[in-house]
Structures are given as structure tokens and as C-alpha cells.
């Protein structure tokens, strides 16, 4: 049986969680930039915000799917 580490108490687990969120965010932000036709400041802000929310949801969904 595997033991889950609490990111609030384990620095390594916290770094892994942050790395996972950044990876999700980077991939989703890049996907946003591929799909838009004009790249101005507002589009970048909206894309970065939407990617951040989606990254949080993707990590939460992945963690919920791995629970037993």
C-alpha cells in the first residue's frame, strides 16, 4: 500500500505539486496561444487565467482518479 504525502508538510511533495501545476499551466497556455488568431495583452491575460484554472482542475481531477 502506498502512503500519500501531505504537500503542506513535505517540501518534496509540495515541489512536485507545484511542478505538476506549472506543467499543466504551460501546456494549456500554449494550447490557448495556438488557437487564438490575435495576440494582444488582453488575450494573454485571459489565456493565462483560463490555463491556471484549468491546471488546478486537471490536477484535482487526476488526484481524485488516483484515490482508492
C-alpha atoms as a PDB file:
ATOM      1  CA  UNK A   1       0.000   0.000   0.000  1.00  0.00           C
ATOM      2  CA  UNK A   2       1.372   3.414  -0.918  1.00  0.00           C
ATOM      3  CA  UNK A   3       1.399   6.234   1.574  1.00  0.00           C
ATOM      4  CA  UNK A   4       0.255   9.649   0.398  1.00  0.00           C
ATOM      5  CA  UNK A   5       2.404  12.528   1.468  1.00  0.00           C
ATOM      6  CA  UNK A   6       0.850  15.784   2.535  1.00  0.00           C
ATOM      7  CA  UNK A   7       2.249  18.667   0.432  1.00  0.00           C
ATOM      8  CA  UNK A   8       1.682  21.038   3.347  1.00  0.00           C
ATOM      9  CA  UNK A   9       4.153  19.086   5.492  1.00  0.00           C
ATOM     10  CA  UNK A  10       6.573  17.565   2.983  1.00  0.00           C
ATOM     11  CA  UNK A  11       8.664  20.046   0.958  1.00  0.00           C
ATOM     12  CA  UNK A  12       9.381  17.474  -1.767  1.00  0.00           C
ATOM     13  CA  UNK A  13       5.674  16.757  -2.241  1.00  0.00           C
ATOM     14  CA  UNK A  14       4.977  20.487  -2.396  1.00  0.00           C
ATOM     15  CA  UNK A  15       7.630  20.954  -5.090  1.00  0.00           C
ATOM     16  CA  UNK A  16       6.179  18.067  -7.091  1.00  0.00           C
ATOM     17  CA  UNK A  17       2.689  19.570  -6.822  1.00  0.00           C
ATOM     18  CA  UNK A  18       3.949  22.974  -7.953  1.00  0.00           C
ATOM     19  CA  UNK A  19       5.855  21.366 -10.820  1.00  0.00           C
ATOM     20  CA  UNK A  20       2.761  19.481 -11.924  1.00  0.00           C
ATOM     21  CA  UNK A  21       0.669  22.653 -11.844  1.00  0.00           C
ATOM     22  CA  UNK A  22       3.290  24.567 -13.832  1.00  0.00           C
ATOM     23  CA  UNK A  23       3.484  21.794 -16.415  1.00  0.00           C
ATOM     24  CA  UNK A  24      -0.296  21.768 -16.828  1.00  0.00           C
ATOM     25  CA  UNK A  25      -0.379  25.560 -16.985  1.00  0.00           C
ATOM     26  CA  UNK A  26       2.384  25.777 -19.599  1.00  0.00           C
ATOM     27  CA  UNK A  27       0.755  23.180 -21.834  1.00  0.00           C
ATOM     28  CA  UNK A  28      -2.694  24.721 -21.588  1.00  0.00           C
ATOM     29  CA  UNK A  29      -1.415  28.280 -22.081  1.00  0.00           C
ATOM     30  CA  UNK A  30       0.487  27.158 -25.168  1.00  0.00           C
ATOM     31  CA  UNK A  31      -2.646  25.459 -26.493  1.00  0.00           C
ATOM     32  CA  UNK A  32      -4.578  28.699 -25.938  1.00  0.00           C
ATOM     33  CA  UNK A  33      -1.999  30.653 -27.934  1.00  0.00           C
ATOM     34  CA  UNK A  34      -2.196  28.153 -30.779  1.00  0.00           C
ATOM     35  CA  UNK A  35      -5.975  28.538 -31.051  1.00  0.00           C
ATOM     36  CA  UNK A  36      -6.255  32.339 -30.964  1.00  0.00           C
ATOM     37  CA  UNK A  37      -5.710  34.467 -34.015  1.00  0.00           C
ATOM     38  CA  UNK A  38      -4.670  37.770 -32.431  1.00  0.00           C
ATOM     39  CA  UNK A  39      -2.106  38.019 -29.678  1.00  0.00           C
ATOM     40  CA  UNK A  40      -2.605  41.154 -27.623  1.00  0.00           C
ATOM     41  CA  UNK A  41      -2.297  41.854 -23.903  1.00  0.00           C
ATOM     42  CA  UNK A  42      -5.916  41.071 -23.038  1.00  0.00           C
ATOM     43  CA  UNK A  43      -5.769  37.727 -24.837  1.00  0.00           C
ATOM     44  CA  UNK A  44      -2.593  36.801 -22.945  1.00  0.00           C
ATOM     45  CA  UNK A  45      -4.171  37.691 -19.587  1.00  0.00           C
ATOM     46  CA  UNK A  46      -7.351  35.747 -20.347  1.00  0.00           C
ATOM     47  CA  UNK A  47      -5.374  32.779 -21.644  1.00  0.00           C
ATOM     48  CA  UNK A  48      -3.053  32.703 -18.632  1.00  0.00           C
ATOM     49  CA  UNK A  49      -6.007  32.933 -16.244  1.00  0.00           C
ATOM     50  CA  UNK A  50      -8.002  30.247 -18.021  1.00  0.00           C
ATOM     51  CA  UNK A  51      -4.940  27.983 -18.134  1.00  0.00           C
ATOM     52  CA  UNK A  52      -4.372  28.481 -14.392  1.00  0.00           C
ATOM     53  CA  UNK A  53      -7.949  27.495 -13.545  1.00  0.00           C
ATOM     54  CA  UNK A  54      -7.800  24.528 -15.913  1.00  0.00           C
ATOM     55  CA  UNK A  55      -4.460  23.416 -14.435  1.00  0.00           C
ATOM     56  CA  UNK A  56      -5.956  23.393 -10.936  1.00  0.00           C
ATOM     57  CA  UNK A  57      -8.953  21.401 -12.165  1.00  0.00           C
ATOM     58  CA  UNK A  58      -6.746  18.963 -14.098  1.00  0.00           C
ATOM     59  CA  UNK A  59      -4.592  18.283 -11.034  1.00  0.00           C
ATOM     60  CA  UNK A  60      -7.640  17.876  -8.803  1.00  0.00           C
ATOM     61  CA  UNK A  61      -9.231  15.505 -11.310  1.00  0.00           C
ATOM     62  CA  UNK A  62      -6.072  13.455 -11.629  1.00  0.00           C
ATOM     63  CA  UNK A  63      -5.710  13.192  -7.870  1.00  0.00           C
ATOM     64  CA  UNK A  64      -9.366  12.210  -7.463  1.00  0.00           C
ATOM     65  CA  UNK A  65      -8.958   9.498 -10.081  1.00  0.00           C
ATOM     66  CA  UNK A  66      -5.953   8.017  -8.271  1.00  0.00           C
ATOM     67  CA  UNK A  67      -7.652   7.700  -4.875  1.00  0.00           C
ATOM     68  CA  UNK A  68      -8.554   4.270  -3.630  1.00  0.00           C
END
